[in-house]
Amino acid sequence: MDLESGEHLIFEGHPSWRSILGFYLKGLVVAVLCGAIAYLAVDLGVAVLVALAVFLIALVAGYVKRLFTTYTITNHRLHIRRGIVARAEQQTQINRVQNVNTHQSVLQRMLVIGNVNFDTAAGDDYDFEFAGVADPQDVVDAVHRAQREADTTATGVQ
């Protein structure tokens, strides 16, 4: 993300690796199923190789998806960038953020991750969320710091 004049970075992060444990678990199940099919069709050696290859693909895919999702907070805006080849970006001005909400399921609380949802002046149909971040309260604090800096800059008080 290119910063504008007078803009500085307050927070930059990715979804936590713990947020994609469900994806890895599904990858493990698919790997075991593929290994079982290979065992029935060929033999044990091929089955083990197939299962390992499928699980390795799941691990790499999860890592790449997580690595290429970036959440950024500056003193001017919130920004989400997703994707490698096909890219999707969302951004909103920090002064348009009206409410900051966190959500943690029981499992997310145990894993110390959560989702931070931002209500913006754009309305209810505009979904702006930092999903699966480690310690969501840090993100909330960063947004509040950015809003204070934006208000200070707007009023000219130092």
Protein backbone atom coordinates (compact mmCIF):
# COMPACT_ATOMS: atom_id res chain seq x y z
CA MET A 1 0.00 0.00 0.00
CA ASP A 2 1.35 3.39 -0.98
CA LEU A 3 1.16 5.96 1.80
CA GLU A 4 -0.07 9.45 1.05
CA SER A 5 1.67 12.62 2.19
CA GLY A 6 1.37 12.94 5.98
CA GLU A 7 0.13 9.38 6.35
CA HIS A 8 1.95 6.87 8.52
CA LEU A 9 1.51 3.21 9.37
CA ILE A 10 -0.06 2.32 12.73
CA PHE A 11 -0.77 -1.40 12.23
CA GLU A 12 -0.01 -3.98 9.56
CA GLY A 13 -0.75 -7.66 9.89
CA HIS A 14 -2.11 -10.87 8.44
CA PRO A 15 -4.65 -13.38 9.68
CA SER A 16 -3.10 -15.56 12.38
CA TRP A 17 -1.96 -19.04 11.44
CA ARG A 18 -4.35 -20.24 14.13
CA SER A 19 -7.27 -18.81 12.15
CA ILE A 20 -6.79 -21.37 9.39
CA LEU A 21 -6.51 -24.47 11.56
CA GLY A 22 -9.94 -25.54 10.28
CA PHE A 23 -8.64 -25.36 6.71
CA TYR A 24 -5.65 -27.50 7.70
CA LEU A 25 -7.91 -30.02 9.42
CA LYS A 26 -10.03 -30.33 6.28
CA GLY A 27 -6.83 -30.76 4.26
CA LEU A 28 -5.77 -33.57 6.58
CA VAL A 29 -9.13 -35.33 6.15
CA VAL A 30 -8.91 -35.02 2.35
CA ALA A 31 -5.31 -36.29 2.46
CA VAL A 32 -6.33 -39.35 4.48
CA LEU A 33 -9.23 -40.06 2.10
CA CYS A 34 -6.97 -39.74 -0.95
CA GLY A 35 -4.42 -42.00 0.75
CA ALA A 36 -7.12 -44.58 1.49
CA ILE A 37 -8.26 -44.57 -2.14
CA ALA A 38 -4.65 -44.94 -3.31
CA TYR A 39 -4.16 -47.82 -0.86
CA LEU A 40 -7.20 -49.63 -2.26
CA ALA A 41 -6.15 -48.96 -5.86
CA VAL A 42 -2.38 -49.54 -5.62
CA ASP A 43 -0.45 -50.21 -2.39
CA LEU A 44 0.62 -48.74 0.95
CA GLY A 45 3.74 -46.94 -0.33
CA VAL A 46 1.81 -45.01 -2.97
CA ALA A 47 -0.99 -44.31 -0.48
CA VAL A 48 1.45 -42.68 1.96
CA LEU A 49 3.00 -40.56 -0.81
CA VAL A 50 -0.41 -39.43 -2.05
CA ALA A 51 -1.58 -38.54 1.46
CA LEU A 52 1.61 -36.59 2.18
CA ALA A 53 1.43 -34.75 -1.16
CA VAL A 54 -2.21 -33.74 -0.66
CA PHE A 55 -1.55 -32.55 2.90
CA LEU A 56 1.54 -30.62 1.79
CA ILE A 57 -0.56 -28.88 -0.89
CA ALA A 58 -3.12 -27.94 1.79
CA LEU A 59 -0.38 -26.56 4.05
CA VAL A 60 1.13 -24.46 1.26
CA ALA A 61 -2.28 -23.21 0.07
CA GLY A 62 -3.26 -22.11 3.60
CA TYR A 63 0.07 -20.39 4.17
CA VAL A 64 -0.10 -18.55 0.84
CA LYS A 65 -3.70 -17.46 1.41
CA ARG A 66 -2.79 -16.12 4.86
CA LEU A 67 0.42 -14.46 3.68
CA PHE A 68 -1.31 -12.67 0.81
CA THR A 69 -4.06 -11.21 2.98
CA THR A 70 -2.81 -7.99 4.52
CA TYR A 71 -4.61 -5.72 6.97
CA THR A 72 -3.32 -2.16 7.33
CA ILE A 73 -4.30 0.74 9.57
CA THR A 74 -2.84 4.20 9.04
CA ASN A 75 -3.72 7.56 10.50
CA HIS A 76 -5.87 8.17 7.37
CA ARG A 77 -7.45 4.84 6.39
CA LEU A 78 -8.13 1.14 6.87
CA HIS A 79 -7.01 -1.14 4.05
CA ILE A 80 -7.46 -4.84 3.21
CA ARG A 81 -5.55 -6.50 0.37
CA ARG A 82 -6.26 -10.10 -0.68
CA GLY A 83 -4.84 -12.24 -3.45
CA ILE A 84 -1.76 -12.99 -5.50
CA VAL A 85 -2.68 -12.95 -9.17
CA ALA A 86 -6.27 -11.79 -8.87
CA ARG A 87 -6.30 -9.07 -6.27
CA ALA A 88 -9.12 -7.58 -4.24
CA GLU A 89 -8.63 -4.44 -2.18
CA GLN A 90 -10.92 -2.60 0.21
CA GLN A 91 -10.26 0.64 1.95
CA THR A 92 -12.13 3.25 3.91
CA GLN A 93 -11.15 6.54 5.44
CA ILE A 94 -10.51 6.35 9.19
CA ASN A 95 -12.96 9.21 9.80
CA ARG A 96 -15.77 7.12 8.22
CA VAL A 97 -15.42 4.38 10.85
CA GLN A 98 -18.35 4.72 13.21
CA ASN A 99 -18.12 1.56 15.32
CA VAL A 100 -15.50 -1.11 15.88
CA ASN A 101 -16.84 -4.51 16.97
CA THR A 102 -15.00 -7.71 17.85
CA HIS A 103 -16.35 -11.22 17.67
CA GLN A 104 -14.75 -14.32 19.14
CA SER A 105 -16.31 -17.77 19.21
CA VAL A 106 -15.38 -20.08 22.08
CA LEU A 107 -12.74 -21.76 19.90
CA GLN A 108 -11.39 -18.39 18.77
CA ARG A 109 -11.09 -17.27 22.42
CA MET A 110 -9.09 -20.41 23.21
CA LEU A 111 -6.84 -19.72 20.20
CA VAL A 112 -6.56 -15.98 21.09
CA ILE A 113 -7.85 -14.87 17.70
CA GLY A 114 -10.96 -13.05 16.56
CA ASN A 115 -12.67 -10.93 13.95
CA VAL A 116 -12.79 -7.14 14.04
CA ASN A 117 -15.72 -5.65 12.16
CA PHE A 118 -15.92 -2.00 11.23
CA ASP A 119 -19.21 -0.17 10.78
CA THR A 120 -18.62 2.62 8.31
CA ALA A 121 -20.63 5.51 6.94
CA ALA A 122 -21.07 3.41 3.78
CA GLY A 123 -23.95 1.50 5.38
CA ASP A 124 -24.89 -2.03 6.42
CA ASP A 125 -24.26 -3.70 3.06
CA TYR A 126 -20.58 -2.75 3.10
CA ASP A 127 -18.69 -5.54 4.89
CA PHE A 128 -15.32 -4.41 6.23
CA GLU A 129 -13.67 -6.96 8.51
CA PHE A 130 -10.22 -8.01 9.66
CA ALA A 131 -10.88 -11.76 10.03
CA GLY A 132 -8.82 -14.14 12.14
CA VAL A 133 -6.42 -11.62 13.66
CA ALA A 134 -4.30 -12.49 16.67
CA ASP A 135 -5.36 -10.49 19.73
CA PRO A 136 -8.22 -8.46 18.20
CA GLN A 137 -8.07 -5.91 21.02
CA ASP A 138 -4.70 -4.73 19.62
CA VAL A 139 -6.47 -3.95 16.33
CA VAL A 140 -9.24 -2.06 18.13
CA ASP A 141 -6.63 -0.05 20.05
CA ALA A 142 -4.80 0.73 16.78
CA VAL A 143 -8.02 2.02 15.20
CA HIS A 144 -8.75 4.23 18.19
CA ARG A 145 -5.19 5.57 18.08
CA ALA A 146 -5.61 6.31 14.34
CA GLN A 147 -8.92 8.08 14.99
CA ARG A 148 -7.36 10.21 17.75
CA GLU A 149 -4.47 11.15 15.44
CA ALA A 150 -6.91 12.00 12.62
CA ASP A 151 -9.00 14.15 14.99
CA THR A 152 -5.88 15.91 16.28
CA THR A 153 -4.72 16.62 12.74
CA ALA A 154 -8.18 17.85 11.68
CA THR A 155 -8.51 20.24 14.61
CA GLY A 156 -4.88 21.35 14.43
CA VAL A 157 -4.26 20.54 18.11
CA GLN A 158 -0.86 18.96 18.74
